Amino acid sequence: MNFLDRRGARLLSLGLFFGLSWALAACGNVSSLTTPDVTNATAPGFVDMKPGSEEDFMLNVGRRIYFSEGSSEISDEAQMSIDRQAVWLKRNPKWLVKIQGHADEPGGDAANKTLSTKRADAVMAALVVKGVAAKRMWTKGYGIERPVTDCSDITCTSQNRRVVVNLREEFDESAPRR
């Protein structure tokens, strides 16, 4: 590198240094910036939510799994929900799990009851594969007995094609005899 090249490189470096210094100075005094009125305070109604609680499961993990019409096949999206549920359930072994299957209108009562049971069984099997003890869980298919919405629009009926994973402190009458 000759003398002129070195001198040019040095001038370029000094120019960049002073230019950046000027740009930073133009930003003003950092202490004069206002802090947004944001806190990490707990939202109203959730003050007593504790890790490992039913509220924690419902809000941070989610308890519903949705299905396609007439299907008990677990979608990729549903599997991601089941994966989160399994992690939480393994971390919180005190909870028993009632897995409730549901269906929407198309089909007869018997077919919908069978489909809702298959959906619940599919979710339970997926949780077992992920390491949740089968002895903590039981399933029940409700068919169309307990719709979450009651209208004929597809946006409503699709919400009824679901499984709800409910936490329990003890076995209820729908649980198999242990």
C-alpha atoms as a PDB file:
ATOM      1  CA  MET A   1       0.000   0.000   0.000  1.00  0.00           C
ATOM      2  CA  ASN A   2       1.537   3.342  -0.923  1.00  0.00           C
ATOM      3  CA  PHE A   3       1.537   6.549   1.101  1.00  0.00           C
ATOM      4  CA  LEU A   4      -1.535   8.035  -0.613  1.00  0.00           C
ATOM      5  CA  ASP A   5      -3.580   4.861  -0.104  1.00  0.00           C
ATOM      6  CA  ARG A   6      -2.734   4.817   3.616  1.00  0.00           C
ATOM      7  CA  ARG A   7      -3.493   8.513   3.959  1.00  0.00           C
ATOM      8  CA  GLY A   8      -6.843   8.068   2.166  1.00  0.00           C
ATOM      9  CA  ALA A   9      -7.775   5.137   4.387  1.00  0.00           C
ATOM     10  CA  ARG A  10      -6.874   7.154   7.491  1.00  0.00           C
ATOM     11  CA  LEU A  11      -8.942  10.126   6.306  1.00  0.00           C
ATOM     12  CA  LEU A  12     -11.863   7.832   5.556  1.00  0.00           C
ATOM     13  CA  SER A  13     -11.630   6.290   9.047  1.00  0.00           C
ATOM     14  CA  LEU A  14     -11.504   9.708  10.704  1.00  0.00           C
ATOM     15  CA  GLY A  15     -14.423  10.893   8.604  1.00  0.00           C
ATOM     16  CA  LEU A  16     -16.520   7.892   9.610  1.00  0.00           C
ATOM     17  CA  PHE A  17     -15.592   8.353  13.269  1.00  0.00           C
ATOM     18  CA  PHE A  18     -16.557  12.030  13.344  1.00  0.00           C
ATOM     19  CA  GLY A  19     -19.661  11.428  11.244  1.00  0.00           C
ATOM     20  CA  LEU A  20     -20.939   8.721  13.589  1.00  0.00           C
ATOM     21  CA  SER A  21     -20.063  10.846  16.626  1.00  0.00           C
ATOM     22  CA  TRP A  22     -22.068  13.731  15.200  1.00  0.00           C
ATOM     23  CA  ALA A  23     -25.010  11.423  14.389  1.00  0.00           C
ATOM     24  CA  LEU A  24     -25.061  10.017  17.931  1.00  0.00           C
ATOM     25  CA  ALA A  25     -24.857  13.500  19.444  1.00  0.00           C
ATOM     26  CA  ALA A  26     -27.799  14.567  17.303  1.00  0.00           C
ATOM     27  CA  CYS A  27     -29.932  11.895  18.944  1.00  0.00           C
ATOM     28  CA  GLY A  28     -30.058  14.057  22.054  1.00  0.00           C
ATOM     29  CA  ASN A  29     -29.823  13.210  25.681  1.00  0.00           C
ATOM     30  CA  VAL A  30     -31.005   9.657  26.331  1.00  0.00           C
ATOM     31  CA  SER A  31     -32.159  10.574  29.827  1.00  0.00           C
ATOM     32  CA  SER A  32     -34.663  13.022  28.355  1.00  0.00           C
ATOM     33  CA  LEU A  33     -36.564  10.229  26.607  1.00  0.00           C
ATOM     34  CA  THR A  34     -39.905   9.403  28.176  1.00  0.00           C
ATOM     35  CA  THR A  35     -40.613   5.909  29.411  1.00  0.00           C
ATOM     36  CA  PRO A  36     -43.862   4.435  28.146  1.00  0.00           C
ATOM     37  CA  ASP A  37     -46.514   3.903  30.779  1.00  0.00           C
ATOM     38  CA  VAL A  38     -46.209   0.115  30.685  1.00  0.00           C
ATOM     39  CA  THR A  39     -45.780  -2.253  33.596  1.00  0.00           C
ATOM     40  CA  ASN A  40     -45.455  -5.937  34.129  1.00  0.00           C
ATOM     41  CA  ALA A  41     -48.361  -5.817  36.534  1.00  0.00           C
ATOM     42  CA  THR A  42     -50.758  -8.741  36.485  1.00  0.00           C
ATOM     43  CA  ALA A  43     -53.921  -8.142  34.494  1.00  0.00           C
ATOM     44  CA  PRO A  44     -57.082  -7.654  36.566  1.00  0.00           C
ATOM     45  CA  GLY A  45     -58.697 -10.962  37.449  1.00  0.00           C
ATOM     46  CA  PHE A  46     -55.449 -12.925  37.220  1.00  0.00           C
ATOM     47  CA  VAL A  47     -53.773 -11.797  40.420  1.00  0.00           C
ATOM     48  CA  ASP A  48     -54.026 -15.217  42.040  1.00  0.00           C
ATOM     49  CA  MET A  49     -53.074 -17.303  38.988  1.00  0.00           C
ATOM     50  CA  LYS A  50     -50.344 -19.666  40.080  1.00  0.00           C
ATOM     51  CA  PRO A  51     -48.050 -21.820  37.948  1.00  0.00           C
ATOM     52  CA  GLY A  52     -49.499 -25.316  37.768  1.00  0.00           C
ATOM     53  CA  SER A  53     -53.064 -24.086  38.330  1.00  0.00           C
ATOM     54  CA  GLU A  54     -56.047 -24.816  36.127  1.00  0.00           C
ATOM     55  CA  GLU A  55     -56.034 -21.159  35.060  1.00  0.00           C
ATOM     56  CA  ASP A  56     -52.371 -21.474  34.071  1.00  0.00           C
ATOM     57  CA  PHE A  57     -53.225 -24.488  31.910  1.00  0.00           C
ATOM     58  CA  MET A  58     -56.188 -22.799  30.251  1.00  0.00           C
ATOM     59  CA  LEU A  59     -54.470 -19.471  29.536  1.00  0.00           C
ATOM     60  CA  ASN A  60     -50.874 -20.470  28.847  1.00  0.00           C
ATOM     61  CA  VAL A  61     -51.294 -23.898  27.272  1.00  0.00           C
ATOM     62  CA  GLY A  62     -54.851 -24.176  25.968  1.00  0.00           C
ATOM     63  CA  ARG A  63     -57.272 -27.007  26.479  1.00  0.00           C
ATOM     64  CA  ARG A  64     -59.070 -27.279  23.121  1.00  0.00           C
ATOM     65  CA  ILE A  65     -58.074 -29.345  20.107  1.00  0.00           C
ATOM     66  CA  TYR A  66     -60.025 -28.872  16.859  1.00  0.00           C
ATOM     67  CA  PHE A  67     -60.746 -31.411  14.118  1.00  0.00           C
ATOM     68  CA  SER A  68     -61.830 -31.457  10.502  1.00  0.00           C
ATOM     69  CA  GLU A  69     -65.405 -32.434   9.691  1.00  0.00           C
ATOM     70  CA  GLY A  70     -66.040 -36.151  10.153  1.00  0.00           C
ATOM     71  CA  SER A  71     -62.435 -36.808  11.220  1.00  0.00           C
ATOM     72  CA  SER A  72     -60.599 -37.922  14.329  1.00  0.00           C
ATOM     73  CA  GLU A  73     -57.198 -37.400  12.691  1.00  0.00           C
ATOM     74  CA  ILE A  74     -54.872 -35.068  14.582  1.00  0.00           C
ATOM     75  CA  SER A  75     -53.642 -32.199  12.396  1.00  0.00           C
ATOM     76  CA  ASP A  76     -50.180 -30.644  12.671  1.00  0.00           C
ATOM     77  CA  GLU A  77     -51.689 -27.657  14.472  1.00  0.00           C
ATOM     78  CA  ALA A  78     -53.534 -29.931  16.897  1.00  0.00           C
ATOM     79  CA  GLN A  79     -50.324 -31.875  17.529  1.00  0.00           C
ATOM     80  CA  MET A  80     -48.555 -28.660  18.539  1.00  0.00           C
ATOM     81  CA  SER A  81     -51.298 -28.018  21.113  1.00  0.00           C
ATOM     82  CA  ILE A  82     -51.046 -31.589  22.378  1.00  0.00           C
ATOM     83  CA  ASP A  83     -47.261 -31.237  22.674  1.00  0.00           C
ATOM     84  CA  ARG A  84     -47.700 -28.133  24.876  1.00  0.00           C
ATOM     85  CA  GLN A  85     -50.316 -29.926  26.962  1.00  0.00           C
ATOM     86  CA  ALA A  86     -48.051 -32.936  27.457  1.00  0.00           C
ATOM     87  CA  VAL A  87     -45.142 -30.791  28.652  1.00  0.00           C
ATOM     88  CA  TRP A  88     -47.411 -28.999  31.134  1.00  0.00           C
ATOM     89  CA  LEU A  89     -49.102 -32.196  32.355  1.00  0.00           C
ATOM     90  CA  LYS A  90     -45.771 -33.945  32.944  1.00  0.00           C
ATOM     91  CA  ARG A  91     -44.610 -30.913  34.927  1.00  0.00           C
ATOM     92  CA  ASN A  92     -47.824 -30.968  36.985  1.00  0.00           C
ATOM     93  CA  PRO A  93     -48.508 -34.636  37.827  1.00  0.00           C
ATOM     94  CA  LYS A  94     -51.041 -33.835  40.567  1.00  0.00           C
ATOM     95  CA  TRP A  95     -53.748 -33.283  37.955  1.00  0.00           C
ATOM     96  CA  LEU A  96     -56.011 -35.970  36.541  1.00  0.00           C
ATOM     97  CA  VAL A  97     -57.237 -35.402  32.998  1.00  0.00           C
ATOM     98  CA  LYS A  98     -60.732 -35.874  31.589  1.00  0.00           C
ATOM     99  CA  ILE A  99     -60.609 -35.721  27.797  1.00  0.00           C
ATOM    100  CA  GLN A 100     -64.008 -34.816  26.345  1.00  0.00           C
ATOM    101  CA  GLY A 101     -64.768 -35.366  22.676  1.00  0.00           C
ATOM    102  CA  HIS A 102     -67.432 -33.416  20.788  1.00  0.00           C
ATOM    103  CA  ALA A 103     -68.944 -33.367  17.301  1.00  0.00           C
ATOM    104  CA  ASP A 104     -71.103 -31.114  15.144  1.00  0.00           C
ATOM    105  CA  GLU A 105     -74.477 -31.802  13.524  1.00  0.00           C
ATOM    106  CA  PRO A 106     -73.843 -33.814  10.324  1.00  0.00           C
ATOM    107  CA  GLY A 107     -74.526 -37.493  10.921  1.00  0.00           C
ATOM    108  CA  GLY A 108     -76.782 -39.313  13.326  1.00  0.00           C
ATOM    109  CA  ASP A 109     -76.547 -39.352  17.100  1.00  0.00           C
ATOM    110  CA  ALA A 110     -74.785 -42.725  17.267  1.00  0.00           C
ATOM    111  CA  ALA A 111     -72.259 -41.777  14.576  1.00  0.00           C
ATOM    112  CA  ASN A 112     -71.486 -38.460  16.286  1.00  0.00           C
ATOM    113  CA  LYS A 113     -71.096 -40.155  19.662  1.00  0.00           C
ATOM    114  CA  THR A 114     -68.663 -42.652  18.101  1.00  0.00           C
ATOM    115  CA  LEU A 115     -66.739 -39.889  16.317  1.00  0.00           C
ATOM    116  CA  SER A 116     -66.468 -37.768  19.459  1.00  0.00           C
ATOM    117  CA  THR A 117     -65.169 -40.787  21.398  1.00  0.00           C
ATOM    118  CA  LYS A 118     -62.593 -41.490  18.666  1.00  0.00           C
ATOM    119  CA  ARG A 119     -61.430 -37.865  18.860  1.00  0.00           C
ATOM    120  CA  ALA A 120     -61.010 -38.037  22.628  1.00  0.00           C
ATOM    121  CA  ASP A 121     -59.205 -41.391  22.351  1.00  0.00           C
ATOM    122  CA  ALA A 122     -56.874 -39.964  19.670  1.00  0.00           C
ATOM    123  CA  VAL A 123     -55.883 -37.051  21.908  1.00  0.00           C
ATOM    124  CA  MET A 124     -55.330 -39.372  24.869  1.00  0.00           C
ATOM    125  CA  ALA A 125     -53.160 -41.684  22.750  1.00  0.00           C
ATOM    126  CA  ALA A 126     -51.105 -38.700  21.556  1.00  0.00           C
ATOM    127  CA  LEU A 127     -50.598 -37.523  25.151  1.00  0.00           C
ATOM    128  CA  VAL A 128     -49.508 -41.027  26.181  1.00  0.00           C
ATOM    129  CA  VAL A 129     -46.978 -41.086  23.313  1.00  0.00           C
ATOM    130  CA  LYS A 130     -45.606 -37.801  24.690  1.00  0.00           C
ATOM    131  CA  GLY A 131     -45.126 -39.353  28.134  1.00  0.00           C
ATOM    132  CA  VAL A 132     -48.292 -38.517  30.075  1.00  0.00           C
ATOM    133  CA  ALA A 133     -49.310 -41.516  32.201  1.00  0.00           C
ATOM    134  CA  ALA A 134     -52.465 -43.201  30.867  1.00  0.00           C
ATOM    135  CA  LYS A 135     -53.628 -43.973  34.421  1.00  0.00           C
ATOM    136  CA  ARG A 136     -54.146 -40.211  34.992  1.00  0.00           C
ATOM    137  CA  MET A 137     -56.528 -39.841  32.042  1.00  0.00           C
ATOM    138  CA  TRP A 138     -59.896 -41.001  30.788  1.00  0.00           C
ATOM    139  CA  THR A 139     -62.076 -40.130  27.817  1.00  0.00           C
ATOM    140  CA  LYS A 140     -65.738 -39.492  27.168  1.00  0.00           C
ATOM    141  CA  GLY A 141     -67.483 -38.783  23.887  1.00  0.00           C
ATOM    142  CA  TYR A 142     -70.469 -36.452  24.053  1.00  0.00           C
ATOM    143  CA  GLY A 143     -71.456 -36.394  20.395  1.00  0.00           C
ATOM    144  CA  ILE A 144     -73.535 -33.268  19.804  1.00  0.00           C
ATOM    145  CA  GLU A 145     -74.858 -33.064  23.404  1.00  0.00           C
ATOM    146  CA  ARG A 146     -72.720 -30.080  24.422  1.00  0.00           C
ATOM    147  CA  PRO A 147     -72.290 -27.634  21.556  1.00  0.00           C
ATOM    148  CA  VAL A 148     -70.099 -24.631  22.247  1.00  0.00           C
ATOM    149  CA  THR A 149     -72.153 -22.686  19.697  1.00  0.00           C
ATOM    150  CA  ASP A 150     -75.554 -23.346  18.204  1.00  0.00           C
ATOM    151  CA  CYS A 151     -75.937 -22.007  14.680  1.00  0.00           C
ATOM    152  CA  SER A 152     -75.808 -23.415  11.169  1.00  0.00           C
ATOM    153  CA  ASP A 153     -72.941 -21.240   9.870  1.00  0.00           C
ATOM    154  CA  ILE A 154     -69.686 -23.140   9.265  1.00  0.00           C
ATOM    155  CA  THR A 155     -67.798 -20.764  11.589  1.00  0.00           C
ATOM    156  CA  CYS A 156     -70.078 -21.908  14.397  1.00  0.00           C
ATOM    157  CA  THR A 157     -70.326 -25.604  13.656  1.00  0.00           C
ATOM    158  CA  SER A 158     -66.562 -25.994  13.215  1.00  0.00           C
ATOM    159  CA  GLN A 159     -66.087 -24.914  16.847  1.00  0.00           C
ATOM    160  CA  ASN A 160     -68.098 -27.948  17.931  1.00  0.00           C
ATOM    161  CA  ARG A 161     -65.630 -30.378  16.288  1.00  0.00           C
ATOM    162  CA  ARG A 162     -63.338 -30.413  19.274  1.00  0.00           C
ATOM    163  CA  VAL A 163     -61.773 -32.169  22.202  1.00  0.00           C
ATOM    164  CA  VAL A 164     -61.526 -30.370  25.521  1.00  0.00           C
ATOM    165  CA  VAL A 165     -58.784 -31.440  27.917  1.00  0.00           C
ATOM    166  CA  ASN A 166     -60.114 -30.777  31.422  1.00  0.00           C
ATOM    167  CA  LEU A 167     -58.102 -30.967  34.612  1.00  0.00           C
ATOM    168  CA  ARG A 168     -59.622 -32.807  37.562  1.00  0.00           C
ATOM    169  CA  GLU A 169     -58.574 -33.334  41.161  1.00  0.00           C
ATOM    170  CA  GLU A 170     -60.358 -36.688  41.326  1.00  0.00           C
ATOM    171  CA  PHE A 171     -61.984 -39.212  39.036  1.00  0.00           C
ATOM    172  CA  ASP A 172     -65.643 -38.540  38.249  1.00  0.00           C
ATOM    173  CA  GLU A 173     -68.496 -40.922  37.410  1.00  0.00           C
ATOM    174  CA  SER A 174     -67.459 -41.077  33.741  1.00  0.00           C
ATOM    175  CA  ALA A 175     -64.013 -42.456  34.612  1.00  0.00           C
ATOM    176  CA  PRO A 176     -63.493 -46.201  34.291  1.00  0.00           C
ATOM    177  CA  ARG A 177     -63.371 -48.080  37.576  1.00  0.00           C
ATOM    178  CA  ARG A 178     -59.830 -48.070  38.930  1.00  0.00           C
END
